[in-house]
C-alpha atoms as a PDB file:
ATOM      1  CA  MET A   1      21.963 -42.477  18.857  1.00  0.00           C
ATOM      2  CA  SER A   2      21.201 -40.621  15.648  1.00  0.00           C
ATOM      3  CA  ILE A   3      21.390 -40.517  11.871  1.00  0.00           C
ATOM      4  CA  VAL A   4      23.094 -37.295  10.801  1.00  0.00           C
ATOM      5  CA  MET A   5      22.348 -35.811   7.395  1.00  0.00           C
ATOM      6  CA  THR A   6      24.579 -33.243   5.758  1.00  0.00           C
ATOM      7  CA  GLY A   7      25.217 -31.428   2.528  1.00  0.00           C
ATOM      8  CA  GLY A   8      23.319 -29.241   0.214  1.00  0.00           C
ATOM      9  CA  GLY A   9      23.766 -25.646  -0.676  1.00  0.00           C
ATOM     10  CA  THR A  10      21.414 -26.087  -3.617  1.00  0.00           C
ATOM     11  CA  GLY A  11      17.941 -27.516  -4.061  1.00  0.00           C
ATOM     12  CA  GLY A  12      19.220 -30.460  -6.091  1.00  0.00           C
ATOM     13  CA  HIS A  13      21.240 -31.707  -3.122  1.00  0.00           C
ATOM     14  CA  LEU A  14      18.659 -30.849  -0.490  1.00  0.00           C
ATOM     15  CA  ALA A  15      15.825 -32.587  -2.343  1.00  0.00           C
ATOM     16  CA  ILE A  16      17.660 -35.887  -1.775  1.00  0.00           C
ATOM     17  CA  ILE A  17      17.802 -35.339   1.976  1.00  0.00           C
ATOM     18  CA  LYS A  18      14.137 -34.371   2.019  1.00  0.00           C
ATOM     19  CA  ALA A  19      13.075 -37.478   0.086  1.00  0.00           C
ATOM     20  CA  VAL A  20      15.144 -39.848   2.228  1.00  0.00           C
ATOM     21  CA  LYS A  21      14.402 -38.415   5.673  1.00  0.00           C
ATOM     22  CA  GLU A  22      10.660 -38.666   5.021  1.00  0.00           C
ATOM     23  CA  GLN A  23      11.108 -42.453   4.818  1.00  0.00           C
ATOM     24  CA  ILE A  24      12.789 -42.732   8.237  1.00  0.00           C
ATOM     25  CA  ILE A  25      10.265 -43.005  11.041  1.00  0.00           C
ATOM     26  CA  HIS A  26      11.706 -44.334  14.295  1.00  0.00           C
ATOM     27  CA  GLU A  27      15.245 -42.924  14.351  1.00  0.00           C
ATOM     28  CA  GLU A  28      16.547 -39.603  15.656  1.00  0.00           C
ATOM     29  CA  LEU A  29      17.524 -37.367  12.744  1.00  0.00           C
ATOM     30  CA  VAL A  30      19.961 -34.465  12.926  1.00  0.00           C
ATOM     31  CA  TYR A  31      20.830 -32.047  10.124  1.00  0.00           C
ATOM     32  CA  ILE A  32      24.168 -30.230   9.839  1.00  0.00           C
ATOM     33  CA  GLY A  33      24.526 -27.812   6.953  1.00  0.00           C
ATOM     34  CA  SER A  34      25.880 -24.383   6.102  1.00  0.00           C
ATOM     35  CA  ASN A  35      24.831 -20.799   6.724  1.00  0.00           C
ATOM     36  CA  ASN A  36      25.480 -20.194   3.038  1.00  0.00           C
ATOM     37  CA  GLY A  37      23.260 -21.618   0.308  1.00  0.00           C
ATOM     38  CA  GLN A  38      19.685 -22.817   0.790  1.00  0.00           C
ATOM     39  CA  ASP A  39      20.181 -25.191   3.760  1.00  0.00           C
ATOM     40  CA  ARG A  40      18.602 -22.966   6.378  1.00  0.00           C
ATOM     41  CA  GLN A  41      15.682 -22.103   4.093  1.00  0.00           C
ATOM     42  CA  TRP A  42      14.883 -25.785   3.617  1.00  0.00           C
ATOM     43  CA  PHE A  43      15.410 -27.287   7.052  1.00  0.00           C
ATOM     44  CA  GLU A  44      15.722 -24.724   9.842  1.00  0.00           C
ATOM     45  CA  HIS A  45      12.133 -25.312  10.989  1.00  0.00           C
ATOM     46  CA  ASP A  46      11.729 -28.905   9.800  1.00  0.00           C
ATOM     47  CA  SER A  47      10.194 -30.891  12.659  1.00  0.00           C
ATOM     48  CA  ASP A  48      11.499 -34.205  11.294  1.00  0.00           C
ATOM     49  CA  PHE A  49      14.917 -33.236  12.661  1.00  0.00           C
ATOM     50  CA  SER A  50      15.456 -33.246  16.413  1.00  0.00           C
ATOM     51  CA  ALA A  51      18.159 -30.617  15.869  1.00  0.00           C
ATOM     52  CA  THR A  52      19.521 -28.555  12.988  1.00  0.00           C
ATOM     53  CA  TYR A  53      22.851 -26.752  12.769  1.00  0.00           C
ATOM     54  CA  PHE A  54      24.173 -24.330  10.155  1.00  0.00           C
ATOM     55  CA  LEU A  55      27.930 -23.861  10.214  1.00  0.00           C
ATOM     56  CA  GLU A  56      29.883 -20.983   8.738  1.00  0.00           C
ATOM     57  CA  THR A  57      31.300 -22.528   5.569  1.00  0.00           C
ATOM     58  CA  ARG A  58      31.538 -21.720   1.888  1.00  0.00           C
ATOM     59  CA  GLY A  59      32.835 -23.302  -1.301  1.00  0.00           C
ATOM     60  CA  VAL A  60      36.540 -23.563  -2.077  1.00  0.00           C
ATOM     61  CA  VAL A  61      36.227 -24.045  -5.834  1.00  0.00           C
ATOM     62  CA  ASN A  62      36.067 -20.889  -8.005  1.00  0.00           C
ATOM     63  CA  GLN A  63      37.741 -18.784  -5.290  1.00  0.00           C
ATOM     64  CA  GLY A  64      40.912 -16.739  -5.741  1.00  0.00           C
ATOM     65  CA  ALA A  65      44.053 -17.581  -3.776  1.00  0.00           C
ATOM     66  CA  LEU A  66      43.076 -15.527  -0.726  1.00  0.00           C
ATOM     67  CA  GLY A  67      39.484 -16.742  -1.011  1.00  0.00           C
ATOM     68  CA  LYS A  68      40.645 -20.352  -0.944  1.00  0.00           C
ATOM     69  CA  VAL A  69      42.739 -19.733   2.167  1.00  0.00           C
ATOM     70  CA  LYS A  70      39.778 -18.138   3.956  1.00  0.00           C
ATOM     71  CA  SER A  71      37.415 -20.945   2.843  1.00  0.00           C
ATOM     72  CA  LEU A  72      39.824 -23.615   4.105  1.00  0.00           C
ATOM     73  CA  TYR A  73      40.174 -21.810   7.445  1.00  0.00           C
ATOM     74  CA  MET A  74      36.376 -21.706   7.750  1.00  0.00           C
ATOM     75  CA  LEU A  75      36.235 -25.402   6.844  1.00  0.00           C
ATOM     76  CA  SER A  76      38.774 -26.412   9.489  1.00  0.00           C
ATOM     77  CA  LYS A  77      36.913 -24.448  12.140  1.00  0.00           C
ATOM     78  CA  ALA A  78      33.562 -25.944  11.073  1.00  0.00           C
ATOM     79  CA  THR A  79      35.037 -29.465  11.087  1.00  0.00           C
ATOM     80  CA  LEU A  80      35.964 -29.084  14.756  1.00  0.00           C
ATOM     81  CA  GLN A  81      32.397 -27.930  15.458  1.00  0.00           C
ATOM     82  CA  ALA A  82      31.028 -30.905  13.530  1.00  0.00           C
ATOM     83  CA  VAL A  83      33.175 -33.319  15.566  1.00  0.00           C
ATOM     84  CA  LYS A  84      31.587 -31.957  18.755  1.00  0.00           C
ATOM     85  CA  LEU A  85      28.079 -32.211  17.284  1.00  0.00           C
ATOM     86  CA  LEU A  86      28.545 -35.804  16.106  1.00  0.00           C
ATOM     87  CA  ARG A  87      29.747 -36.754  19.577  1.00  0.00           C
ATOM     88  CA  LYS A  88      26.917 -34.829  21.236  1.00  0.00           C
ATOM     89  CA  HIS A  89      24.246 -36.653  19.223  1.00  0.00           C
ATOM     90  CA  LYS A  90      26.059 -40.017  19.297  1.00  0.00           C
ATOM     91  CA  ALA A  91      25.900 -40.297  15.524  1.00  0.00           C
ATOM     92  CA  LYS A  92      25.816 -43.855  14.201  1.00  0.00           C
ATOM     93  CA  VAL A  93      26.014 -42.943  10.510  1.00  0.00           C
ATOM     94  CA  VAL A  94      26.442 -39.771   8.433  1.00  0.00           C
ATOM     95  CA  PHE A  95      24.522 -39.403   5.176  1.00  0.00           C
ATOM     96  CA  SER A  96      26.083 -36.862   2.824  1.00  0.00           C
ATOM     97  CA  VAL A  97      24.667 -35.573  -0.453  1.00  0.00           C
ATOM     98  CA  GLY A  98      27.772 -33.538  -1.304  1.00  0.00           C
ATOM     99  CA  GLY A  99      28.222 -29.869  -1.970  1.00  0.00           C
ATOM    100  CA  PHE A 100      30.365 -27.547   0.153  1.00  0.00           C
ATOM    101  CA  SER A 101      27.805 -27.811   2.980  1.00  0.00           C
ATOM    102  CA  SER A 102      28.773 -31.440   3.548  1.00  0.00           C
ATOM    103  CA  ALA A 103      32.555 -31.081   3.803  1.00  0.00           C
ATOM    104  CA  ALA A 104      32.943 -30.316   7.514  1.00  0.00           C
ATOM    105  CA  THR A 105      30.597 -33.059   8.740  1.00  0.00           C
ATOM    106  CA  SER A 106      31.966 -35.621   6.267  1.00  0.00           C
ATOM    107  CA  PHE A 107      35.541 -34.977   7.428  1.00  0.00           C
ATOM    108  CA  ALA A 108      34.382 -35.119  11.038  1.00  0.00           C
ATOM    109  CA  ALA A 109      32.725 -38.479  10.398  1.00  0.00           C
ATOM    110  CA  LYS A 110      35.943 -39.933   9.042  1.00  0.00           C
ATOM    111  CA  TYR A 111      37.944 -38.486  11.971  1.00  0.00           C
ATOM    112  CA  LEU A 112      35.571 -40.208  14.413  1.00  0.00           C
ATOM    113  CA  ASN A 113      35.412 -43.395  12.314  1.00  0.00           C
ATOM    114  CA  ILE A 114      31.649 -43.050  11.846  1.00  0.00           C
ATOM    115  CA  PRO A 115      30.334 -44.761   8.675  1.00  0.00           C
ATOM    116  CA  LEU A 116      29.894 -42.243   5.847  1.00  0.00           C
ATOM    117  CA  VAL A 117      27.221 -42.924   3.230  1.00  0.00           C
ATOM    118  CA  ILE A 118      27.464 -40.671   0.165  1.00  0.00           C
ATOM    119  CA  HIS A 119      24.813 -40.031  -2.471  1.00  0.00           C
ATOM    120  CA  GLU A 120      26.097 -38.555  -5.737  1.00  0.00           C
ATOM    121  CA  GLN A 121      23.300 -36.996  -7.784  1.00  0.00           C
ATOM    122  CA  ASN A 122      25.191 -36.301 -10.982  1.00  0.00           C
ATOM    123  CA  ALA A 123      26.847 -38.328 -13.719  1.00  0.00           C
ATOM    124  CA  ALA A 124      29.969 -36.159 -13.343  1.00  0.00           C
ATOM    125  CA  GLN A 125      30.918 -36.587  -9.703  1.00  0.00           C
ATOM    126  CA  GLY A 126      31.369 -33.475  -7.594  1.00  0.00           C
ATOM    127  CA  SER A 127      34.922 -32.719  -6.488  1.00  0.00           C
ATOM    128  CA  LEU A 128      34.234 -33.357  -2.791  1.00  0.00           C
ATOM    129  CA  ASN A 129      32.355 -36.613  -3.408  1.00  0.00           C
ATOM    130  CA  ARG A 130      35.114 -37.762  -5.762  1.00  0.00           C
ATOM    131  CA  PHE A 131      37.703 -37.052  -3.054  1.00  0.00           C
ATOM    132  CA  LEU A 132      35.701 -38.788  -0.302  1.00  0.00           C
ATOM    133  CA  ARG A 133      34.544 -41.788  -2.332  1.00  0.00           C
ATOM    134  CA  PRO A 134      37.451 -44.070  -1.284  1.00  0.00           C
ATOM    135  CA  TYR A 135      36.641 -43.350   2.362  1.00  0.00           C
ATOM    136  CA  ALA A 136      32.900 -43.912   2.150  1.00  0.00           C
ATOM    137  CA  ALA A 137      31.283 -46.978   3.666  1.00  0.00           C
ATOM    138  CA  VAL A 138      28.759 -46.822   0.809  1.00  0.00           C
ATOM    139  CA  PHE A 139      28.818 -44.702  -2.359  1.00  0.00           C
ATOM    140  CA  ILE A 140      25.464 -44.424  -4.153  1.00  0.00           C
ATOM    141  CA  SER A 141      25.005 -43.231  -7.739  1.00  0.00           C
ATOM    142  CA  SER A 142      22.266 -43.971 -10.256  1.00  0.00           C
ATOM    143  CA  TYR A 143      24.862 -43.713 -13.027  1.00  0.00           C
ATOM    144  CA  LEU A 144      27.261 -46.393 -11.743  1.00  0.00           C
ATOM    145  CA  GLU A 145      26.682 -50.081 -12.415  1.00  0.00           C
ATOM    146  CA  GLU A 146      28.502 -51.003  -9.193  1.00  0.00           C
ATOM    147  CA  SER A 147      26.280 -48.800  -7.018  1.00  0.00           C
ATOM    148  CA  PRO A 148      24.464 -50.895  -4.375  1.00  0.00           C
ATOM    149  CA  ILE A 149      21.351 -48.750  -4.957  1.00  0.00           C
ATOM    150  CA  LYS A 150      20.637 -47.643  -8.524  1.00  0.00           C
ATOM    151  CA  ALA A 151      17.204 -46.113  -7.910  1.00  0.00           C
ATOM    152  CA  TYR A 152      17.256 -42.305  -7.681  1.00  0.00           C
ATOM    153  CA  PRO A 153      15.293 -40.845  -4.732  1.00  0.00           C
ATOM    154  CA  VAL A 154      12.256 -39.626  -6.662  1.00  0.00           C
ATOM    155  CA  LYS A 155       8.966 -39.043  -4.893  1.00  0.00           C
ATOM    156  CA  GLU A 156       6.299 -41.665  -5.524  1.00  0.00           C
ATOM    157  CA  ILE A 157       3.911 -39.185  -7.126  1.00  0.00           C
ATOM    158  CA  PHE A 158       6.137 -38.887 -10.210  1.00  0.00           C
ATOM    159  CA  PHE A 159       5.893 -42.647 -10.774  1.00  0.00           C
ATOM    160  CA  ASP A 160       2.160 -42.561 -10.089  1.00  0.00           C
ATOM    161  CA  ASN A 161       1.790 -39.894 -12.790  1.00  0.00           C
ATOM    162  CA  ALA A 162       3.711 -41.834 -15.442  1.00  0.00           C
ATOM    163  CA  ARG A 163       1.970 -42.382 -18.769  1.00  0.00           C
ATOM    164  CA  ILE A 164       2.987 -43.154 -22.343  1.00  0.00           C
ATOM    165  CA  ARG A 165       3.192 -40.093 -24.591  1.00  0.00           C
ATOM    166  CA  LYS A 166       2.262 -40.437 -28.248  1.00  0.00           C
ATOM    167  CA  LYS A 167       1.395 -36.944 -29.475  1.00  0.00           C
ATOM    168  CA  VAL A 168       2.481 -33.474 -28.350  1.00  0.00           C
ATOM    169  CA  GLN A 169      -0.524 -31.629 -27.004  1.00  0.00           C
ATOM    170  CA  THR A 170       1.273 -29.812 -24.195  1.00  0.00           C
ATOM    171  CA  VAL A 171       4.883 -28.585 -23.917  1.00  0.00           C
ATOM    172  CA  ILE A 172       6.451 -27.713 -20.579  1.00  0.00           C
ATOM    173  CA  PHE A 173       9.477 -25.409 -20.315  1.00  0.00           C
ATOM    174  CA  LEU A 174      11.478 -25.953 -17.128  1.00  0.00           C
ATOM    175  CA  GLY A 175      14.155 -23.444 -16.215  1.00  0.00           C
ATOM    176  CA  GLY A 176      13.992 -24.151 -12.485  1.00  0.00           C
ATOM    177  CA  SER A 177      12.666 -21.809  -9.797  1.00  0.00           C
ATOM    178  CA  GLN A 178      15.453 -19.341 -10.664  1.00  0.00           C
ATOM    179  CA  GLY A 179      14.644 -19.481 -14.361  1.00  0.00           C
ATOM    180  CA  ALA A 180      16.838 -19.968 -17.435  1.00  0.00           C
ATOM    181  CA  LYS A 181      17.173 -17.095 -19.906  1.00  0.00           C
ATOM    182  CA  ALA A 182      17.997 -19.344 -22.853  1.00  0.00           C
ATOM    183  CA  ILE A 183      14.913 -21.506 -22.264  1.00  0.00           C
ATOM    184  CA  ASN A 184      12.697 -18.455 -21.733  1.00  0.00           C
ATOM    185  CA  THR A 185      13.912 -16.951 -25.012  1.00  0.00           C
ATOM    186  CA  LEU A 186      13.425 -20.211 -26.902  1.00  0.00           C
ATOM    187  CA  ALA A 187       9.920 -20.640 -25.513  1.00  0.00           C
ATOM    188  CA  LEU A 188       8.825 -17.215 -26.701  1.00  0.00           C
ATOM    189  CA  GLU A 189      10.411 -17.748 -30.128  1.00  0.00           C
ATOM    190  CA  ILE A 190       8.511 -20.966 -30.824  1.00  0.00           C
ATOM    191  CA  ALA A 191       5.302 -20.021 -28.989  1.00  0.00           C
ATOM    192  CA  PRO A 192       3.551 -18.734 -32.168  1.00  0.00           C
ATOM    193  CA  VAL A 193       4.093 -22.104 -33.884  1.00  0.00           C
ATOM    194  CA  LEU A 194       2.850 -23.949 -30.808  1.00  0.00           C
ATOM    195  CA  LYS A 195      -0.252 -21.775 -30.851  1.00  0.00           C
ATOM    196  CA  GLU A 196      -0.844 -22.538 -34.548  1.00  0.00           C
ATOM    197  CA  ARG A 197      -0.686 -26.235 -33.729  1.00  0.00           C
ATOM    198  CA  ASP A 198      -3.018 -25.806 -30.751  1.00  0.00           C
ATOM    199  CA  ILE A 199      -0.323 -26.940 -28.318  1.00  0.00           C
ATOM    200  CA  ARG A 200      -0.712 -25.808 -24.714  1.00  0.00           C
ATOM    201  CA  ILE A 201       2.248 -24.088 -23.022  1.00  0.00           C
ATOM    202  CA  ILE A 202       3.331 -24.574 -19.397  1.00  0.00           C
ATOM    203  CA  HIS A 203       6.344 -22.445 -18.504  1.00  0.00           C
ATOM    204  CA  GLN A 204       8.474 -22.323 -15.356  1.00  0.00           C
ATOM    205  CA  ALA A 205      10.105 -18.979 -16.081  1.00  0.00           C
ATOM    206  CA  GLY A 206      11.700 -18.324 -12.686  1.00  0.00           C
ATOM    207  CA  GLU A 207      10.482 -16.188  -9.805  1.00  0.00           C
ATOM    208  CA  LYS A 208      12.186 -13.032 -11.086  1.00  0.00           C
ATOM    209  CA  ASN A 209      10.958 -13.477 -14.646  1.00  0.00           C
ATOM    210  CA  ILE A 210       7.251 -14.212 -14.204  1.00  0.00           C
ATOM    211  CA  ASP A 211       6.009 -10.712 -15.053  1.00  0.00           C
ATOM    212  CA  GLU A 212       8.375 -10.203 -17.970  1.00  0.00           C
ATOM    213  CA  VAL A 213       7.678 -13.563 -19.580  1.00  0.00           C
ATOM    214  CA  GLY A 214       3.951 -13.370 -18.864  1.00  0.00           C
ATOM    215  CA  SER A 215       3.762  -9.948 -20.506  1.00  0.00           C
ATOM    216  CA  ALA A 216       5.672 -11.254 -23.545  1.00  0.00           C
ATOM    217  CA  TYR A 217       3.110 -14.019 -24.020  1.00  0.00           C
ATOM    218  CA  GLU A 218       0.290 -11.492 -23.697  1.00  0.00           C
ATOM    219  CA  ALA A 219       1.917  -9.287 -26.336  1.00  0.00           C
ATOM    220  CA  LEU A 220       1.984 -12.292 -28.654  1.00  0.00           C
ATOM    221  CA  GLY A 221      -1.679 -13.004 -27.931  1.00  0.00           C
ATOM    222  CA  ILE A 222      -0.789 -16.415 -26.533  1.00  0.00           C
ATOM    223  CA  GLU A 223      -2.176 -18.065 -23.409  1.00  0.00           C
ATOM    224  CA  ALA A 224       0.469 -19.762 -21.291  1.00  0.00           C
ATOM    225  CA  GLU A 225       0.637 -20.935 -17.693  1.00  0.00           C
ATOM    226  CA  VAL A 226       3.678 -19.086 -16.326  1.00  0.00           C
ATOM    227  CA  PHE A 227       5.106 -19.616 -12.850  1.00  0.00           C
ATOM    228  CA  GLY A 228       8.326 -19.577 -10.835  1.00  0.00           C
ATOM    229  CA  PHE A 229       8.587 -21.783  -7.759  1.00  0.00           C
ATOM    230  CA  THR A 230       5.838 -24.383  -7.399  1.00  0.00           C
ATOM    231  CA  THR A 231       4.898 -27.316  -5.204  1.00  0.00           C
ATOM    232  CA  HIS A 232       2.815 -28.770  -8.044  1.00  0.00           C
ATOM    233  CA  LEU A 233       5.597 -29.662 -10.470  1.00  0.00           C
ATOM    234  CA  ALA A 234       4.558 -33.318 -10.544  1.00  0.00           C
ATOM    235  CA  ASP A 235       1.087 -32.334 -11.780  1.00  0.00           C
ATOM    236  CA  TYR A 236       2.515 -30.026 -14.444  1.00  0.00           C
ATOM    237  CA  MET A 237       4.800 -32.815 -15.678  1.00  0.00           C
ATOM    238  CA  LYS A 238       1.864 -35.215 -15.736  1.00  0.00           C
ATOM    239  CA  ASP A 239      -0.034 -32.893 -18.082  1.00  0.00           C
ATOM    240  CA  ALA A 240       2.881 -32.409 -20.485  1.00  0.00           C
ATOM    241  CA  ASP A 241       3.903 -34.526 -23.472  1.00  0.00           C
ATOM    242  CA  LEU A 242       7.295 -32.966 -24.166  1.00  0.00           C
ATOM    243  CA  ALA A 243       9.659 -31.102 -21.838  1.00  0.00           C
ATOM    244  CA  ILE A 244      12.365 -28.578 -22.664  1.00  0.00           C
ATOM    245  CA  ALA A 245      14.463 -28.354 -19.532  1.00  0.00           C
ATOM    246  CA  ARG A 246      17.726 -27.882 -17.724  1.00  0.00           C
ATOM    247  CA  ALA A 247      19.415 -31.147 -16.752  1.00  0.00           C
ATOM    248  CA  GLY A 248      19.802 -30.929 -13.002  1.00  0.00           C
ATOM    249  CA  ALA A 249      19.734 -34.435 -11.559  1.00  0.00           C
ATOM    250  CA  SER A 250      16.426 -34.163  -9.698  1.00  0.00           C
ATOM    251  CA  THR A 251      14.640 -32.663 -12.719  1.00  0.00           C
ATOM    252  CA  LEU A 252      16.101 -35.305 -15.038  1.00  0.00           C
ATOM    253  CA  TRP A 253      15.013 -38.249 -12.895  1.00  0.00           C
ATOM    254  CA  GLU A 254      11.596 -36.751 -12.123  1.00  0.00           C
ATOM    255  CA  LEU A 255      10.977 -36.408 -15.861  1.00  0.00           C
ATOM    256  CA  ALA A 256      12.172 -39.965 -16.393  1.00  0.00           C
ATOM    257  CA  ALA A 257       9.933 -41.310 -13.611  1.00  0.00           C
ATOM    258  CA  THR A 258       6.977 -39.537 -15.235  1.00  0.00           C
ATOM    259  CA  ALA A 259       7.977 -41.096 -18.597  1.00  0.00           C
ATOM    260  CA  LEU A 260       8.090 -37.590 -20.066  1.00  0.00           C
ATOM    261  CA  PRO A 261      10.488 -37.256 -23.050  1.00  0.00           C
ATOM    262  CA  ALA A 262      12.705 -34.187 -22.882  1.00  0.00           C
ATOM    263  CA  LEU A 263      15.047 -31.951 -24.794  1.00  0.00           C
ATOM    264  CA  PHE A 264      17.739 -30.989 -22.312  1.00  0.00           C
ATOM    265  CA  ILE A 265      19.518 -27.649 -22.556  1.00  0.00           C
ATOM    266  CA  PRO A 266      22.212 -27.979 -19.858  1.00  0.00           C
ATOM    267  CA  TYR A 267      23.251 -25.027 -17.742  1.00  0.00           C
ATOM    268  CA  PRO A 268      26.612 -24.184 -19.345  1.00  0.00           C
ATOM    269  CA  TYR A 269      28.313 -23.052 -16.126  1.00  0.00           C
ATOM    270  CA  ALA A 270      27.446 -26.063 -13.950  1.00  0.00           C
ATOM    271  CA  ALA A 271      30.450 -27.407 -12.039  1.00  0.00           C
ATOM    272  CA  GLY A 272      32.255 -30.004 -14.116  1.00  0.00           C
ATOM    273  CA  ASP A 273      29.614 -29.518 -16.828  1.00  0.00           C
ATOM    274  CA  HIS A 274      27.616 -32.065 -14.833  1.00  0.00           C
ATOM    275  CA  GLN A 275      24.243 -31.155 -16.360  1.00  0.00           C
ATOM    276  CA  TYR A 276      25.524 -32.088 -19.809  1.00  0.00           C
ATOM    277  CA  TYR A 277      26.748 -35.463 -18.561  1.00  0.00           C
ATOM    278  CA  ASN A 278      23.463 -36.084 -16.742  1.00  0.00           C
ATOM    279  CA  ALA A 279      21.589 -35.580 -20.009  1.00  0.00           C
ATOM    280  CA  LEU A 280      24.171 -37.581 -21.957  1.00  0.00           C
ATOM    281  CA  PHE A 281      23.407 -40.591 -19.752  1.00  0.00           C
ATOM    282  CA  LEU A 282      19.879 -40.666 -21.217  1.00  0.00           C
ATOM    283  CA  GLU A 283      20.785 -39.409 -24.689  1.00  0.00           C
ATOM    284  CA  GLU A 284      23.246 -42.279 -25.219  1.00  0.00           C
ATOM    285  CA  LYS A 285      20.361 -44.670 -24.527  1.00  0.00           C
ATOM    286  CA  GLU A 286      18.255 -42.778 -27.119  1.00  0.00           C
ATOM    287  CA  LEU A 287      15.880 -41.661 -24.363  1.00  0.00           C
ATOM    288  CA  ALA A 288      16.419 -37.902 -24.608  1.00  0.00           C
ATOM    289  CA  TRP A 289      17.755 -35.097 -26.784  1.00  0.00           C
ATOM    290  CA  ILE A 290      20.507 -32.609 -25.885  1.00  0.00           C
ATOM    291  CA  MET A 291      21.137 -29.149 -27.270  1.00  0.00           C
ATOM    292  CA  ARG A 292      23.837 -26.827 -25.950  1.00  0.00           C
ATOM    293  CA  GLU A 293      22.768 -23.213 -25.400  1.00  0.00           C
ATOM    294  CA  GLU A 294      25.026 -22.004 -28.213  1.00  0.00           C
ATOM    295  CA  GLU A 295      23.573 -24.662 -30.525  1.00  0.00           C
ATOM    296  CA  ILE A 296      19.888 -23.859 -30.024  1.00  0.00           C
ATOM    297  CA  ASP A 297      18.118 -24.122 -33.369  1.00  0.00           C
ATOM    298  CA  THR A 298      14.397 -23.365 -33.361  1.00  0.00           C
ATOM    299  CA  GLU A 299      13.763 -25.448 -36.486  1.00  0.00           C
ATOM    300  CA  LYS A 300      15.377 -28.496 -34.899  1.00  0.00           C
ATOM    301  CA  VAL A 301      13.433 -27.906 -31.694  1.00  0.00           C
ATOM    302  CA  LEU A 302      10.139 -27.668 -33.586  1.00  0.00           C
ATOM    303  CA  ALA A 303      10.997 -30.865 -35.460  1.00  0.00           C
ATOM    304  CA  LEU A 304      10.802 -32.709 -32.125  1.00  0.00           C
ATOM    305  CA  LEU A 305       7.045 -32.115 -32.142  1.00  0.00           C
ATOM    306  CA  ASP A 306       6.805 -34.820 -34.790  1.00  0.00           C
ATOM    307  CA  GLU A 307       9.338 -37.235 -33.283  1.00  0.00           C
ATOM    308  CA  ASP A 308       8.518 -40.712 -31.991  1.00  0.00           C
ATOM    309  CA  LEU A 309       7.661 -39.945 -28.381  1.00  0.00           C
ATOM    310  CA  GLU A 310       6.227 -43.366 -27.588  1.00  0.00           C
ATOM    311  CA  SER A 311       9.506 -45.284 -27.825  1.00  0.00           C
ATOM    312  CA  LYS A 312      11.280 -42.800 -25.566  1.00  0.00           C
ATOM    313  CA  SER A 313       8.396 -42.708 -23.128  1.00  0.00           C
ATOM    314  CA  ARG A 314       8.345 -46.511 -22.837  1.00  0.00           C
ATOM    315  CA  GLY A 315      12.123 -46.623 -22.564  1.00  0.00           C
ATOM    316  CA  LEU A 316      12.111 -44.159 -19.680  1.00  0.00           C
ATOM    317  CA  MET A 317       9.633 -46.341 -17.817  1.00  0.00           C
ATOM    318  CA  GLU A 318      12.001 -49.290 -18.160  1.00  0.00           C
ATOM    319  CA  ILE A 319      15.179 -47.509 -17.051  1.00  0.00           C
ATOM    320  CA  VAL A 320      13.879 -45.876 -13.871  1.00  0.00           C
ATOM    321  CA  GLU A 321      13.750 -47.909 -10.666  1.00  0.00           C
ATOM    322  CA  LYS A 322      11.310 -47.096  -7.880  1.00  0.00           C
ATOM    323  CA  ASP A 323      11.771 -46.744  -4.146  1.00  0.00           C
ATOM    324  CA  GLY A 324      15.197 -45.085  -4.193  1.00  0.00           C
ATOM    325  CA  SER A 325      14.492 -43.038  -1.077  1.00  0.00           C
ATOM    326  CA  LYS A 326      13.069 -46.078   0.755  1.00  0.00           C
ATOM    327  CA  LYS A 327      16.137 -48.185  -0.086  1.00  0.00           C
ATOM    328  CA  ILE A 328      18.542 -45.488   1.101  1.00  0.00           C
ATOM    329  CA  ALA A 329      16.475 -44.954   4.252  1.00  0.00           C
ATOM    330  CA  ALA A 330      16.597 -48.697   4.982  1.00  0.00           C
ATOM    331  CA  LEU A 331      20.367 -48.696   4.520  1.00  0.00           C
ATOM    332  CA  LEU A 332      20.824 -45.811   6.958  1.00  0.00           C
ATOM    333  CA  THR A 333      18.457 -47.398   9.475  1.00  0.00           C
ATOM    334  CA  ASP A 334      20.499 -50.607   9.377  1.00  0.00           C
ATOM    335  CA  TYR A 335      23.638 -48.647  10.237  1.00  0.00           C
ATOM    336  CA  ALA A 336      21.806 -46.873  13.068  1.00  0.00           C
ATOM    337  CA  LYS A 337      20.979 -50.237  14.664  1.00  0.00           C
ATOM    338  CA  ILE A 338      24.537 -51.534  14.672  1.00  0.00           C
END
């Protein structure tokens, strides 16, 4: 008997699986993902799973006519493989975090009448999750009032690091491990003013941009901590008083759990513009600021240095619930015991 986890493709999806599976101790865990995307990189050698499988699948959206036909053929073939794997491991429940990686196993679960639990990370639901929602035994979203679990699966360390911000002494720029050109450009444009105000700079520039951005700071005579991928993001967030960031779901909720006010600059090409709607969820509660890439105004950004951070910081503490990963893990464990 096993709990099967599926989905991913990107770090935002896979971080949910990682957070939840670490809370499940005495059940057999199996991962079924895709050869495309980051699934294999994250979980191929993860000892928490008794078995891992990576099927030949790819996204259907944003493909041409022939591309869609090929993707659907790959999906049908992978679904048959997933049916065999679910039977082999006697799956009691399938936990899906969406993304193209999850399609085959999710469809297989419904074919075999195995309970499907879906976690939707974003305010704008992904196309696959939206399609499967009526068939899910449980649909979890931190943005829906009717969700049985509202807490987002954020690691405990982000809550432990929470503190009330009152004055900007450190700014953190977060473009993700791949970087964000618009955020990198903005950071370098306002860096001289930050230096004048004796404000420390922490900058996640992206793996490919570390040298370029680091050299630009040096040319300006400005000290900045520049990095790409890091396992110490929670510590960097703890040190910061204001964030300027993309609005991927995991980043947004980690910032919220840390009570760190943020200006969100959503990735403009995100599917369904979901990063904008993620940020809007907080902005409508007056807990964040949003600025589209094409609307970036350095004067308005610099004005945030004198904004009331304390009210937003306290508000973030009140809106974020703890133990999301533990609650989801408990739900899956209950299904596994049926």
